N, C-alpha and C. Protein backbone atom coordinates (compact mmCIF):
# COMPACT_ATOMS: atom_id res chain seq x y z
N UNK A 1 -8.30 -9.27 -20.09
CA UNK A 1 -7.33 -8.67 -20.79
C UNK A 1 -6.04 -8.37 -19.29
N UNK A 2 -4.77 -8.22 -20.12
CA UNK A 2 -3.31 -8.48 -18.76
C UNK A 2 -3.17 -7.24 -19.13
N UNK A 3 -3.14 -7.29 -17.46
CA UNK A 3 -2.72 -5.60 -17.03
C UNK A 3 -1.33 -5.58 -16.32
N UNK A 4 -0.70 -4.50 -15.95
CA UNK A 4 0.64 -3.89 -15.32
C UNK A 4 0.37 -3.81 -14.43
N UNK A 5 1.05 -4.49 -13.36
CA UNK A 5 0.91 -4.04 -11.71
C UNK A 5 1.77 -3.88 -10.77
N UNK A 6 2.03 -2.64 -9.84
CA UNK A 6 3.33 -2.57 -9.23
C UNK A 6 3.10 -2.42 -8.54
N UNK A 7 3.68 -3.31 -7.20
CA UNK A 7 3.27 -3.32 -5.54
C UNK A 7 4.50 -3.14 -4.81
N UNK A 8 4.47 -2.39 -4.01
CA UNK A 8 5.71 -1.72 -3.16
C UNK A 8 5.66 -2.68 -1.69
N UNK A 9 7.02 -2.90 -1.36
CA UNK A 9 6.66 -3.62 -0.37
C UNK A 9 6.32 -5.65 -0.06
N UNK A 10 6.73 -5.87 -1.82
CA UNK A 10 6.11 -7.10 -2.26
C UNK A 10 7.13 -8.10 -1.78
N UNK A 11 7.73 -8.10 -0.84
CA UNK A 11 8.87 -9.36 -0.50
C UNK A 11 7.87 -10.88 0.67
N UNK A 12 7.17 -10.08 1.37
CA UNK A 12 6.22 -10.60 2.53
C UNK A 12 5.00 -10.04 2.72
N UNK A 13 4.55 -10.64 3.70
CA UNK A 13 3.16 -10.47 3.82
C UNK A 13 1.94 -10.12 2.81
N UNK A 14 1.23 -9.03 3.15
CA UNK A 14 0.48 -8.73 1.85
C UNK A 14 0.45 -8.68 0.71
N UNK A 15 1.65 -7.87 0.49
CA UNK A 15 2.46 -7.34 -0.59
C UNK A 15 2.63 -8.89 -1.41
N UNK A 16 3.80 -9.49 -0.83
CA UNK A 16 4.21 -10.96 -1.25
C UNK A 16 2.57 -11.76 -2.43
N UNK A 17 1.25 -12.18 -0.91
CA UNK A 17 0.18 -12.10 -1.35
C UNK A 17 -0.40 -11.74 -2.75
N UNK A 18 -0.63 -10.19 -2.61
CA UNK A 18 -0.82 -9.66 -3.87
C UNK A 18 -0.26 -10.15 -4.73
N UNK A 19 1.24 -10.13 -5.10
CA UNK A 19 1.34 -10.38 -6.29
C UNK A 19 0.90 -11.69 -6.52
N UNK A 20 1.38 -13.15 -5.73
CA UNK A 20 0.93 -13.99 -5.96
C UNK A 20 -0.41 -14.27 -6.44
N UNK A 21 -1.36 -13.48 -6.31
CA UNK A 21 -2.56 -13.45 -6.50
C UNK A 21 -2.75 -13.04 -7.85
N UNK A 22 -2.24 -11.45 -8.23
CA UNK A 22 -2.00 -11.21 -9.62
C UNK A 22 -1.56 -12.15 -10.71
N UNK A 23 -0.25 -12.36 -10.11
CA UNK A 23 0.44 -13.68 -11.14
C UNK A 23 -0.51 -14.72 -11.33
N UNK A 24 -0.92 -15.44 -10.30
CA UNK A 24 -1.98 -16.37 -10.89
C UNK A 24 -2.87 -16.09 -11.82
N UNK A 25 -3.81 -14.21 -11.80
CA UNK A 25 -4.40 -14.48 -12.89
C UNK A 25 -3.70 -14.04 -14.11
N UNK A 26 -2.62 -14.05 -14.19
CA UNK A 26 -2.04 -13.83 -15.61
C UNK A 26 -1.59 -12.49 -15.74
N UNK A 27 -1.48 -11.97 -14.78
CA UNK A 27 -1.22 -10.35 -15.10
C UNK A 27 0.19 -9.75 -14.83
N UNK A 28 1.38 -9.21 -15.19
CA UNK A 28 2.38 -8.54 -15.49
C UNK A 28 2.37 -8.07 -14.02
N UNK A 29 3.33 -8.41 -13.20
CA UNK A 29 3.89 -7.86 -12.07
C UNK A 29 5.00 -7.51 -11.68
N UNK A 30 5.33 -6.41 -11.46
CA UNK A 30 6.50 -5.85 -10.78
C UNK A 30 6.77 -5.71 -9.42
N UNK A 31 7.18 -6.79 -9.17
CA UNK A 31 7.31 -6.50 -7.15
C UNK A 31 8.11 -5.75 -6.56
N UNK A 32 8.48 -4.47 -5.91
CA UNK A 32 9.05 -3.53 -5.37
C UNK A 32 9.71 -4.06 -4.25
N UNK A 33 10.72 -4.08 -3.70
CA UNK A 33 11.22 -4.57 -2.47
C UNK A 33 12.70 -3.76 -2.04
N UNK A 34 12.75 -3.57 -1.02
CA UNK A 34 14.78 -3.79 -0.72
C UNK A 34 15.24 -4.80 -0.81
N UNK A 35 14.59 -5.95 -0.07
CA UNK A 35 15.66 -7.19 -0.34
C UNK A 35 14.46 -8.19 -0.97
N UNK A 36 14.76 -9.08 -1.78
CA UNK A 36 13.84 -9.99 -2.41
C UNK A 36 14.01 -11.26 -1.04
N UNK A 37 12.51 -12.48 -1.80
CA UNK A 37 12.93 -13.14 -0.73
C UNK A 37 12.98 -14.43 -1.49
N UNK A 38 12.95 -15.93 -1.10
CA UNK A 38 12.39 -16.94 -1.55
C UNK A 38 11.25 -16.86 -2.02
N UNK A 39 10.89 -17.07 -1.49
CA UNK A 39 8.97 -16.57 -1.72
C UNK A 39 8.44 -16.24 -3.00
N UNK A 40 9.04 -14.60 -2.99
CA UNK A 40 8.83 -13.81 -3.67
C UNK A 40 9.58 -14.28 -5.43
N UNK A 41 10.63 -14.91 -4.98
CA UNK A 41 11.67 -15.35 -6.46
C UNK A 41 10.61 -16.14 -7.01
N UNK A 42 10.05 -16.98 -5.93
CA UNK A 42 9.57 -18.61 -6.28
C UNK A 42 8.28 -17.97 -7.68
N UNK A 43 7.30 -16.96 -7.65
CA UNK A 43 6.34 -16.06 -8.26
C UNK A 43 6.74 -16.49 -9.81
N UNK A 44 8.11 -16.30 -10.18
CA UNK A 44 8.41 -15.90 -11.52
C UNK A 44 7.93 -14.54 -12.01
N UNK A 45 7.82 -13.38 -11.28
CA UNK A 45 7.40 -11.76 -11.29
C UNK A 45 8.31 -10.73 -11.42
N UNK A 46 8.55 -9.88 -12.23
CA UNK A 46 9.59 -8.71 -12.08
C UNK A 46 9.93 -8.44 -10.55
N UNK A 47 10.98 -8.79 -10.50
CA UNK A 47 11.74 -8.19 -8.87
C UNK A 47 12.42 -7.11 -8.96
N UNK A 48 12.15 -5.84 -8.30
CA UNK A 48 12.90 -4.86 -8.39
C UNK A 48 13.23 -4.35 -7.06
N UNK A 49 14.42 -4.80 -6.70
CA UNK A 49 15.37 -4.38 -5.66
C UNK A 49 16.01 -3.56 -5.06
N UNK A 50 16.19 -2.97 -4.35
CA UNK A 50 17.04 -2.05 -3.51
C UNK A 50 15.87 -0.92 -3.73
N UNK A 51 14.73 -0.83 -3.44
CA UNK A 51 13.94 -0.13 -3.22
C UNK A 51 13.33 0.31 -2.20
N UNK A 52 14.11 0.85 -1.42
CA UNK A 52 13.15 1.52 -0.27
C UNK A 52 12.78 2.88 -0.33
N UNK A 53 11.23 2.91 0.46
CA UNK A 53 10.58 3.81 -0.45
C UNK A 53 10.88 5.49 0.27
N UNK A 54 11.32 5.41 1.03
CA UNK A 54 11.49 5.88 2.25
C UNK A 54 12.98 7.20 1.78
N UNK A 55 13.69 6.38 0.84
CA UNK A 55 15.18 7.35 0.90
C UNK A 55 14.71 7.83 -1.01
N UNK A 56 15.56 8.68 -1.02
CA UNK A 56 15.74 8.75 -2.62
C UNK A 56 16.68 8.39 -3.98
N UNK A 57 16.87 7.24 -2.94
CA UNK A 57 17.97 6.41 -3.76
C UNK A 57 16.75 5.57 -4.31
N UNK A 58 15.92 4.99 -3.26
CA UNK A 58 14.75 3.89 -3.29
C UNK A 58 13.64 4.16 -4.55
N UNK A 59 13.95 5.58 -4.19
CA UNK A 59 12.63 6.19 -5.14
C UNK A 59 13.47 6.44 -6.65
N UNK A 60 14.76 6.79 -6.97
CA UNK A 60 15.46 6.50 -8.12
C UNK A 60 15.52 4.95 -8.70
N UNK A 61 16.01 4.49 -8.01
CA UNK A 61 15.83 3.42 -8.52
C UNK A 61 14.45 2.28 -9.25
N UNK A 62 13.74 3.21 -8.22
CA UNK A 62 12.24 2.58 -8.89
C UNK A 62 11.83 3.12 -9.95
N UNK A 63 12.15 4.53 -10.16
CA UNK A 63 11.59 5.22 -11.29
C UNK A 63 12.63 4.38 -12.41
N UNK A 64 14.18 4.63 -12.53
CA UNK A 64 14.48 3.99 -13.28
C UNK A 64 14.02 2.31 -13.85
N UNK A 65 14.00 1.71 -12.90
CA UNK A 65 13.73 0.18 -13.37
C UNK A 65 12.37 0.45 -14.18
N UNK A 66 11.11 1.34 -13.69
CA UNK A 66 10.22 1.27 -14.22
C UNK A 66 9.75 2.56 -15.54
N UNK A 67 10.72 3.17 -16.05
CA UNK A 67 11.25 4.14 -17.20
C UNK A 67 10.75 3.04 -17.88
N UNK A 68 9.15 4.14 -18.81
CA UNK A 68 9.10 3.69 -20.26
C UNK A 68 7.73 2.44 -19.75
N UNK A 69 7.04 1.98 -18.75
CA UNK A 69 6.22 1.36 -18.14
C UNK A 69 5.20 1.51 -18.06
N UNK A 70 4.09 1.07 -18.74
CA UNK A 70 3.16 2.42 -18.41
C UNK A 70 2.39 0.98 -17.27
N UNK A 71 1.27 1.78 -16.33
CA UNK A 71 0.75 1.10 -15.26
C UNK A 71 -0.34 1.08 -15.57
N UNK A 72 -1.10 0.18 -15.13
CA UNK A 72 -2.68 0.12 -14.64
C UNK A 72 -2.75 0.24 -13.41
N UNK A 73 -2.30 -0.24 -12.55
CA UNK A 73 -2.40 -0.57 -11.01
C UNK A 73 -1.39 -0.57 -9.93
N UNK A 74 -1.16 0.81 -9.39
CA UNK A 74 -0.28 0.83 -8.26
C UNK A 74 -0.32 0.59 -6.78
N UNK A 75 0.06 -0.11 -6.37
CA UNK A 75 -0.08 -0.23 -4.73
C UNK A 75 0.76 0.02 -4.09
N UNK A 76 0.39 0.67 -3.43
CA UNK A 76 1.24 1.38 -2.26
C UNK A 76 1.07 0.82 -0.97
N UNK A 77 1.91 -0.26 -0.75
CA UNK A 77 1.68 -1.61 0.50
C UNK A 77 2.79 -1.19 1.85
N UNK A 78 3.87 -0.90 0.77
CA UNK A 78 5.04 -0.76 1.82
C UNK A 78 4.77 -0.05 3.29
N UNK A 79 4.99 -0.53 4.43
CA UNK A 79 4.50 0.14 5.72
C UNK A 79 5.29 -0.42 7.16
N UNK A 80 5.30 0.09 7.89
CA UNK A 80 6.36 -0.56 9.25
C UNK A 80 5.61 -0.17 10.31
N UNK A 81 5.25 -0.58 11.22
CA UNK A 81 4.86 -0.62 12.87
C UNK A 81 5.46 -0.36 14.08
N UNK A 82 5.76 0.38 14.61
CA UNK A 82 6.21 0.54 15.99
C UNK A 82 5.59 0.81 17.27
N UNK A 83 5.77 1.19 18.35
CA UNK A 83 4.81 1.07 19.16
C UNK A 83 5.18 1.73 20.12
N UNK A 84 4.62 2.64 20.77
CA UNK A 84 4.93 4.12 21.80
C UNK A 84 3.56 4.51 22.68
N UNK A 85 3.58 4.34 23.85
CA UNK A 85 2.92 4.60 24.35
C UNK A 85 2.92 6.17 25.08
N UNK A 86 1.90 6.78 25.92
CA UNK A 86 2.27 8.34 26.59
C UNK A 86 3.12 8.19 27.35
N UNK A 87 3.05 6.88 27.97
CA UNK A 87 4.12 6.78 29.16
C UNK A 87 5.50 6.87 28.24
N UNK A 88 5.94 6.24 27.27
CA UNK A 88 6.77 5.92 26.78
C UNK A 88 6.95 6.55 25.05
N UNK A 89 6.65 7.60 24.97
CA UNK A 89 7.08 8.19 23.60
C UNK A 89 8.57 7.97 22.61
N UNK A 90 8.33 8.03 22.16
CA UNK A 90 9.76 7.79 21.28
C UNK A 90 9.86 8.67 19.62
N UNK A 91 10.20 9.62 19.40
CA UNK A 91 10.28 10.71 18.68
C UNK A 91 10.75 10.18 17.20
N UNK A 92 11.81 9.41 17.29
CA UNK A 92 12.25 8.94 16.62
C UNK A 92 11.32 7.70 15.74
N UNK A 93 10.67 7.04 16.55
CA UNK A 93 10.02 5.86 15.84
C UNK A 93 8.43 6.69 14.92
N UNK A 94 8.15 7.72 15.73
CA UNK A 94 7.31 8.26 15.04
C UNK A 94 7.46 8.87 14.02
N UNK A 95 8.80 9.38 14.01
CA UNK A 95 8.97 10.68 12.32
C UNK A 95 9.65 9.21 11.92
N UNK A 96 10.27 8.01 11.78
CA UNK A 96 9.99 6.98 10.74
C UNK A 96 8.79 6.42 10.37
N UNK A 97 8.07 6.50 11.28
CA UNK A 97 7.14 6.25 10.83
C UNK A 97 5.53 6.75 9.74
N UNK A 98 5.88 8.02 9.88
CA UNK A 98 5.78 9.21 8.77
C UNK A 98 6.22 9.16 7.79
N UNK A 99 7.57 8.89 8.10
CA UNK A 99 8.43 8.59 6.85
C UNK A 99 8.06 7.66 6.11
N UNK A 100 7.68 6.83 6.25
CA UNK A 100 7.53 5.03 5.28
C UNK A 100 6.21 5.24 5.52
N UNK A 101 5.19 5.58 6.06
CA UNK A 101 3.62 4.94 6.26
C UNK A 101 2.76 6.18 5.15
N UNK A 102 3.70 7.61 5.32
CA UNK A 102 2.45 8.72 4.93
C UNK A 102 3.13 9.42 3.51
N UNK A 103 4.68 9.81 3.87
CA UNK A 103 5.03 10.23 2.95
C UNK A 103 5.67 9.62 1.84
N UNK A 104 6.09 8.35 2.29
CA UNK A 104 6.66 7.50 1.10
C UNK A 104 5.65 6.97 -0.12
N UNK A 105 4.37 6.81 0.48
CA UNK A 105 3.00 6.47 -0.98
C UNK A 105 3.12 7.43 -1.18
N UNK A 106 3.03 9.06 -1.30
CA UNK A 106 2.61 10.08 -1.68
C UNK A 106 3.77 10.19 -2.81
N UNK A 107 5.26 9.95 -1.94
CA UNK A 107 6.44 10.53 -3.36
C UNK A 107 6.72 9.31 -4.49
N UNK A 108 5.96 7.93 -3.79
CA UNK A 108 5.92 6.77 -5.31
C UNK A 108 4.80 7.53 -6.17
N UNK A 109 3.89 7.94 -5.89
CA UNK A 109 2.60 8.04 -6.39
C UNK A 109 3.12 9.41 -7.50
N UNK A 110 3.94 10.36 -6.69
CA UNK A 110 4.17 11.56 -7.71
C UNK A 110 5.20 11.25 -8.56
N UNK A 111 6.18 10.43 -8.32
CA UNK A 111 7.23 9.67 -8.98
C UNK A 111 6.66 8.93 -10.34
N UNK A 112 6.16 8.33 -10.34
CA UNK A 112 5.14 7.88 -11.02
C UNK A 112 4.21 7.77 -11.85
N UNK A 113 3.26 9.52 -11.33
CA UNK A 113 2.11 9.60 -12.03
C UNK A 113 2.52 9.31 -13.64
N UNK A 114 3.43 9.79 -14.14
CA UNK A 114 3.26 10.30 -15.92
C UNK A 114 3.68 8.44 -16.21
N UNK A 115 3.94 7.27 -15.75
CA UNK A 115 3.35 6.24 -15.46
C UNK A 115 2.50 5.11 -15.85
N UNK A 116 1.35 6.06 -15.08
CA UNK A 116 -0.31 5.46 -14.46
C UNK A 116 -0.80 5.94 -15.97
N UNK A 117 -1.63 4.70 -16.68
CA UNK A 117 -2.11 4.77 -17.60
C UNK A 117 -3.61 5.19 -17.29
N UNK A 118 -4.23 5.43 -18.59
CA UNK A 118 -5.94 6.27 -18.54
C UNK A 118 -6.54 5.26 -17.72
N UNK A 119 -7.21 5.29 -16.99
CA UNK A 119 -8.27 4.37 -16.70
C UNK A 119 -7.18 3.50 -15.63
N UNK A 120 -6.08 4.04 -14.81
CA UNK A 120 -5.20 3.28 -14.18
C UNK A 120 -6.00 3.47 -12.50
N UNK A 121 -5.64 2.56 -11.62
CA UNK A 121 -5.88 2.90 -10.10
C UNK A 121 -5.12 2.72 -8.85
N UNK A 122 -4.80 3.83 -8.33
CA UNK A 122 -3.99 3.53 -7.18
C UNK A 122 -4.53 3.13 -6.21
N UNK A 123 -4.12 2.29 -5.26
CA UNK A 123 -4.26 1.67 -4.03
C UNK A 123 -3.08 1.97 -2.72
N UNK A 124 -4.06 2.66 -2.06
CA UNK A 124 -2.78 2.80 -1.01
C UNK A 124 -3.39 1.47 0.21
N UNK A 125 -2.55 0.89 0.79
CA UNK A 125 -2.69 -0.15 2.25
C UNK A 125 -2.75 0.52 3.53
N UNK A 126 -3.62 1.03 3.49
CA UNK A 126 -3.68 1.97 4.99
C UNK A 126 -4.10 0.87 6.26
N UNK A 127 -4.85 1.61 7.00
CA UNK A 127 -4.85 0.51 8.41
C UNK A 127 -6.01 1.43 8.69
N UNK A 128 -7.47 1.05 9.32
CA UNK A 128 -8.45 1.60 10.36
C UNK A 128 -7.84 1.94 11.75
N UNK A 129 -6.62 2.00 12.17
CA UNK A 129 -5.78 2.63 13.00
C UNK A 129 -5.85 3.83 12.67
N UNK A 130 -6.08 4.34 11.78
CA UNK A 130 -5.51 5.65 11.22
C UNK A 130 -6.83 6.38 11.75
N UNK A 131 -8.02 5.57 11.87
CA UNK A 131 -9.22 6.47 11.47
C UNK A 131 -9.70 6.96 13.56
N UNK A 132 -9.37 8.31 12.90
CA UNK A 132 -10.14 9.19 14.26
C UNK A 132 -11.17 8.56 15.10
N UNK A 133 -12.47 8.16 14.55
CA UNK A 133 -13.54 7.96 15.26
C UNK A 133 -13.36 5.97 15.38
N UNK A 134 -12.95 5.70 14.93
CA UNK A 134 -12.42 4.48 15.58
C UNK A 134 -11.40 3.97 16.68
N UNK A 135 -11.02 4.81 16.54
CA UNK A 135 -9.69 4.54 17.94
C UNK A 135 -10.55 4.63 19.14
N UNK A 136 -10.69 3.65 19.68
CA UNK A 136 -11.13 2.70 21.33
C UNK A 136 -10.32 2.66 22.37
N UNK A 137 -8.97 2.64 21.78
CA UNK A 137 -7.84 1.97 22.70
C UNK A 137 -6.49 3.06 22.67
N UNK A 138 -6.40 4.82 22.11
CA UNK A 138 -5.57 5.10 22.69
C UNK A 138 -3.96 3.97 21.91
N UNK A 139 -3.21 4.79 22.15
CA UNK A 139 -2.02 4.16 22.40
C UNK A 139 -1.50 4.36 20.86
N UNK A 140 -0.15 3.66 20.83
CA UNK A 140 0.55 3.27 18.92
C UNK A 140 0.20 4.22 17.94
N UNK A 141 0.77 5.80 18.94
CA UNK A 141 0.68 7.36 18.41
C UNK A 141 1.57 7.49 17.05
N UNK A 142 2.77 6.89 17.13
CA UNK A 142 3.37 7.37 15.41
C UNK A 142 2.40 6.55 14.50
N UNK A 143 1.93 5.02 14.21
CA UNK A 143 0.99 4.13 13.76
C UNK A 143 0.07 4.76 13.39
N UNK A 144 -0.82 5.21 14.44
CA UNK A 144 -2.09 5.73 14.20
C UNK A 144 -2.16 7.22 13.31
N UNK A 145 -1.15 7.90 13.81
CA UNK A 145 -1.09 9.36 13.67
C UNK A 145 -1.00 9.25 11.65
N UNK A 146 0.37 8.33 11.47
CA UNK A 146 0.96 8.05 10.17
C UNK A 146 -0.18 7.48 9.36
N UNK A 147 -0.72 6.71 9.06
CA UNK A 147 -2.31 6.61 8.62
C UNK A 147 -2.68 6.97 8.90
N UNK A 148 -3.36 8.09 9.66
CA UNK A 148 -4.42 9.05 9.50
C UNK A 148 -4.05 9.99 8.32
N UNK A 149 -2.21 10.29 8.08
CA UNK A 149 -2.34 11.33 7.32
C UNK A 149 -2.09 10.66 5.97
N UNK A 150 -1.82 9.34 6.03
CA UNK A 150 -2.26 8.96 4.64
C UNK A 150 -3.12 8.82 4.14
N UNK A 151 -4.42 8.34 4.92
CA UNK A 151 -5.97 8.43 4.33
C UNK A 151 -6.11 9.87 3.60
N UNK A 152 -5.51 11.02 4.49
CA UNK A 152 -5.10 12.40 3.65
C UNK A 152 -4.76 12.62 2.62
N UNK A 153 -3.91 12.15 2.42
CA UNK A 153 -2.98 12.07 1.72
C UNK A 153 -4.04 11.66 0.25
N UNK A 154 -4.27 9.98 0.55
CA UNK A 154 -5.06 9.39 -0.20
C UNK A 154 -6.51 10.05 -0.93
N UNK A 155 -6.66 10.35 0.14
CA UNK A 155 -8.07 11.24 -0.41
C UNK A 155 -8.13 12.83 -1.28
N UNK A 156 -6.68 13.58 -0.69
CA UNK A 156 -6.39 14.28 -1.72
C UNK A 156 -5.75 14.31 -3.65
N UNK A 157 -5.36 12.54 -3.36
CA UNK A 157 -4.65 11.80 -4.87
C UNK A 157 -5.86 12.11 -5.01
N UNK A 158 -7.17 11.44 -4.57
CA UNK A 158 -8.17 11.07 -5.19
C UNK A 158 -9.09 12.38 -6.03
N UNK A 159 -8.74 13.78 -5.41
CA UNK A 159 -9.49 14.53 -6.01
C UNK A 159 -8.19 15.45 -7.45
N UNK A 160 -7.26 14.88 -6.92
CA UNK A 160 -6.03 15.41 -7.71
C UNK A 160 -5.68 14.62 -9.61
N UNK A 161 -6.53 13.45 -9.18
CA UNK A 161 -6.12 12.65 -10.03
C UNK A 161 -7.73 12.37 -10.93
N UNK A 162 -8.15 13.20 -10.47
CA UNK A 162 -9.70 12.36 -11.12
C UNK A 162 -9.44 12.63 -12.39
N UNK A 163 -8.88 13.99 -12.95
CA UNK A 163 -9.20 14.62 -14.15
C UNK A 163 -8.58 13.72 -14.81
N UNK A 164 -7.87 13.02 -14.31
CA UNK A 164 -7.14 11.98 -15.79
C UNK A 164 -7.49 10.90 -15.72
N UNK A 165 -8.67 10.66 -15.28
CA UNK A 165 -9.29 9.13 -15.35
C UNK A 165 -8.55 8.23 -13.90
N UNK A 166 -7.85 8.66 -13.23
CA UNK A 166 -7.04 7.64 -12.15
C UNK A 166 -8.15 7.52 -10.77
N UNK A 167 -8.20 6.10 -10.72
CA UNK A 167 -9.13 6.81 -9.41
C UNK A 167 -7.95 5.28 -8.37
N UNK A 168 -8.59 6.04 -6.57
CA UNK A 168 -8.01 5.91 -5.34
C UNK A 168 -8.85 5.23 -4.93
N UNK A 169 -8.38 3.98 -4.10
CA UNK A 169 -8.80 3.01 -3.20
C UNK A 169 -7.90 3.10 -1.97
N UNK A 170 -8.47 3.46 -0.94
CA UNK A 170 -7.94 3.19 0.35
C UNK A 170 -8.73 2.24 1.16
N UNK A 171 -7.32 0.93 1.57
CA UNK A 171 -7.80 -0.43 2.25
C UNK A 171 -7.23 -0.32 3.23
N UNK A 172 -8.11 -0.88 4.46
CA UNK A 172 -7.65 -1.54 5.75
C UNK A 172 -7.55 -3.06 4.72
N UNK A 173 -6.58 -3.79 5.27
CA UNK A 173 -6.48 -5.41 4.90
C UNK A 173 -7.15 -6.05 5.86
N UNK A 174 -7.14 -5.43 7.10
CA UNK A 174 -7.61 -6.41 8.35
C UNK A 174 -6.70 -6.58 9.46
N UNK A 175 -7.32 -7.70 10.34
CA UNK A 175 -6.05 -8.45 11.55
C UNK A 175 -5.70 -9.03 10.68
N UNK A 176 -4.51 -9.20 9.81
CA UNK A 176 -3.44 -9.71 9.26
C UNK A 176 -2.45 -10.54 10.00
N UNK A 177 -2.23 -12.26 9.76
CA UNK A 177 -1.67 -12.76 10.12
C UNK A 177 -0.03 -12.69 9.17
N UNK A 178 0.66 -11.41 9.59
CA UNK A 178 2.25 -10.82 9.19
C UNK A 178 2.99 -10.71 10.22
N UNK A 179 4.29 -10.60 9.80
CA UNK A 179 5.78 -10.77 10.91
C UNK A 179 5.11 -8.79 11.31
N UNK A 180 4.37 -8.41 10.53
CA UNK A 180 4.55 -7.06 11.42
C UNK A 180 3.64 -6.94 12.99
N UNK A 181 2.55 -8.47 12.75
CA UNK A 181 2.15 -8.76 13.96
C UNK A 181 2.62 -9.99 14.72
N UNK A 182 3.78 -10.12 14.61
CA UNK A 182 3.79 -11.44 15.51
C UNK A 182 3.05 -12.97 14.78
N UNK A 183 2.62 -12.58 13.51
CA UNK A 183 1.49 -13.53 13.01
C UNK A 183 -0.05 -14.20 13.43
N UNK A 184 -0.30 -12.62 14.52
CA UNK A 184 -1.27 -12.86 15.61
C UNK A 184 -2.47 -12.43 14.48
N UNK A 185 -2.67 -12.01 13.50
CA UNK A 185 -3.83 -11.44 12.95
C UNK A 185 -4.99 -12.99 13.16
N UNK A 186 -5.74 -12.23 12.44
CA UNK A 186 -7.32 -12.97 12.71
C UNK A 186 -7.55 -14.48 10.85
N UNK A 187 -7.31 -13.19 9.50
CA UNK A 187 -6.94 -13.70 9.22
C UNK A 187 -5.73 -14.20 8.15
N UNK A 188 -5.33 -15.06 7.69
CA UNK A 188 -4.05 -15.39 6.56
C UNK A 188 -4.27 -14.17 5.52
N UNK A 189 -3.08 -13.63 4.69
CA UNK A 189 -2.39 -12.63 4.47
C UNK A 189 -3.06 -12.42 3.10
N UNK A 190 -3.19 -14.40 2.50
CA UNK A 190 -3.83 -14.44 0.99
C UNK A 190 -5.48 -14.11 1.21
N UNK A 191 -6.24 -14.49 2.03
CA UNK A 191 -7.32 -14.09 2.39
C UNK A 191 -7.35 -12.45 2.05
N UNK A 192 -6.57 -11.44 2.86
CA UNK A 192 -6.28 -10.16 2.70
C UNK A 192 -6.39 -9.65 1.53
N UNK A 193 -5.46 -10.70 0.99
CA UNK A 193 -4.80 -10.13 -0.70
C UNK A 193 -5.92 -10.83 -1.51
N UNK A 194 -6.43 -11.66 -1.44
CA UNK A 194 -7.93 -11.59 -2.20
C UNK A 194 -9.26 -10.88 -2.00
N UNK A 195 -9.49 -10.29 -1.24
CA UNK A 195 -10.66 -9.28 -1.19
C UNK A 195 -9.92 -8.33 -1.62
N UNK A 196 -8.41 -8.00 -1.16
CA UNK A 196 -7.88 -6.34 -1.67
C UNK A 196 -8.16 -6.31 -3.18
N UNK A 197 -7.68 -7.20 -3.69
CA UNK A 197 -7.21 -7.76 -5.55
C UNK A 197 -9.01 -7.80 -5.80
N UNK A 198 -9.97 -8.04 -5.16
CA UNK A 198 -11.15 -8.08 -5.76
C UNK A 198 -11.82 -6.60 -6.18
N UNK A 199 -11.88 -5.53 -4.62
CA UNK A 199 -12.25 -3.91 -4.54
C UNK A 199 -11.39 -3.47 -5.39
N UNK A 200 -10.25 -3.87 -5.92
CA UNK A 200 -9.36 -2.70 -6.89
C UNK A 200 -10.12 -3.35 -8.06
N UNK A 201 -10.28 -4.49 -8.51
CA UNK A 201 -11.01 -4.82 -9.50
C UNK A 201 -12.40 -4.16 -9.40
N UNK A 202 -13.00 -3.60 -8.78
CA UNK A 202 -14.28 -2.91 -8.81
C UNK A 202 -14.25 -1.51 -8.76
N UNK A 203 -13.44 -1.28 -8.34
CA UNK A 203 -13.03 0.24 -8.34
C UNK A 203 -13.35 1.16 -8.79
N UNK A 204 -14.14 2.37 -9.14
CA UNK A 204 -14.58 3.13 -10.50
C UNK A 204 -14.38 4.26 -9.65
N UNK A 205 -14.47 5.47 -10.87
CA UNK A 205 -14.39 6.96 -9.91
C UNK A 205 -15.55 7.73 -9.73
N UNK A 206 -16.63 6.36 -9.70
CA UNK A 206 -17.38 6.79 -8.90
C UNK A 206 -17.31 6.87 -7.45
N UNK A 207 -16.69 5.77 -6.91
CA UNK A 207 -16.08 5.76 -5.88
C UNK A 207 -14.39 5.91 -5.26
N UNK A 208 -14.20 6.65 -6.01
CA UNK A 208 -12.67 6.95 -5.98
C UNK A 208 -12.48 7.82 -4.57
N UNK A 209 -11.39 7.48 -3.33
CA UNK A 209 -11.35 8.08 -2.21
C UNK A 209 -12.46 7.55 -1.59
N UNK A 210 -12.74 6.13 -1.36
CA UNK A 210 -13.62 5.72 -0.18
C UNK A 210 -12.98 4.81 0.78
N UNK A 211 -13.08 5.11 1.88
CA UNK A 211 -11.55 4.34 3.00
C UNK A 211 -12.71 2.99 3.04
N UNK A 212 -11.82 1.65 3.07
CA UNK A 212 -13.17 0.58 2.73
C UNK A 212 -12.26 -0.40 3.71
N UNK A 213 -12.68 -1.40 4.36
CA UNK A 213 -11.94 -2.47 5.17
C UNK A 213 -12.20 -3.61 4.06
N UNK A 214 -11.53 -4.39 4.05
CA UNK A 214 -11.14 -5.53 2.53
C UNK A 214 -12.51 -6.18 3.04
N UNK A 215 -13.02 -6.46 3.85
CA UNK A 215 -14.41 -7.09 3.44
C UNK A 215 -15.46 -6.36 3.21
N UNK A 216 -15.15 -5.29 2.16
CA UNK A 216 -16.11 -4.80 1.86
C UNK A 216 -16.58 -2.46 2.65
N UNK A 217 -16.84 -3.22 3.94
CA UNK A 217 -17.19 -2.08 5.02
C UNK A 217 -16.43 -1.04 4.69
N UNK A 218 -17.07 0.53 4.37
CA UNK A 218 -17.18 1.51 4.48
C UNK A 218 -16.62 2.07 6.03
N UNK A 219 -15.58 2.39 6.25
CA UNK A 219 -14.90 2.42 7.62
C UNK A 219 -15.05 4.30 7.69
N UNK A 220 -14.59 4.67 8.96
CA UNK A 220 -14.98 6.37 9.55
C UNK A 220 -14.19 6.68 9.32
N UNK A 221 -13.81 8.06 8.92
CA UNK A 221 -12.62 8.45 9.00
C UNK A 221 -12.05 8.58 10.52
């Protein structure tokens, strides 16, 4: 069955890799991004540019481009990483990460809720750095806090969308070799993407709201 897949932040990294996987499987892919890339254009998917999910204009552009389109899988992937320490707090970057990493995905789901097909799925690409129990090193205040907030929002969405038969997956991709971490990860984006796509395929209402590593491990909150 051909499905319609929508991915935010799809011009590079994990978003681009997931777009590639879904395209190779024959699905109908809408790749949302602020600006496209040569690699994304080469996939021959539906590229929707000028979608900055942290702005009202970006959300309006997204909604207009997807008007009347039924969505089977909505993947909120767009995110940013900044660095703060206790000795060098930067409230501007902390707020920026909350806007992009936590608030924007919720706004995206809200804006596209009416587009979601029955038995549809929402996937939040988060991080185990948002786990309070798993924090063994401290620091990264804005990123950790924003991802914890995203996890909380995703859990609430899993409850609120349950009656519509829409399941929510909450996924840590792993330490992935992307520009976000200066390509210092331990797995390529293609591997993370294959894993996440597989988990989304297996996702059912029975496991909605579960926080998982891309390798399938259930992570602590």
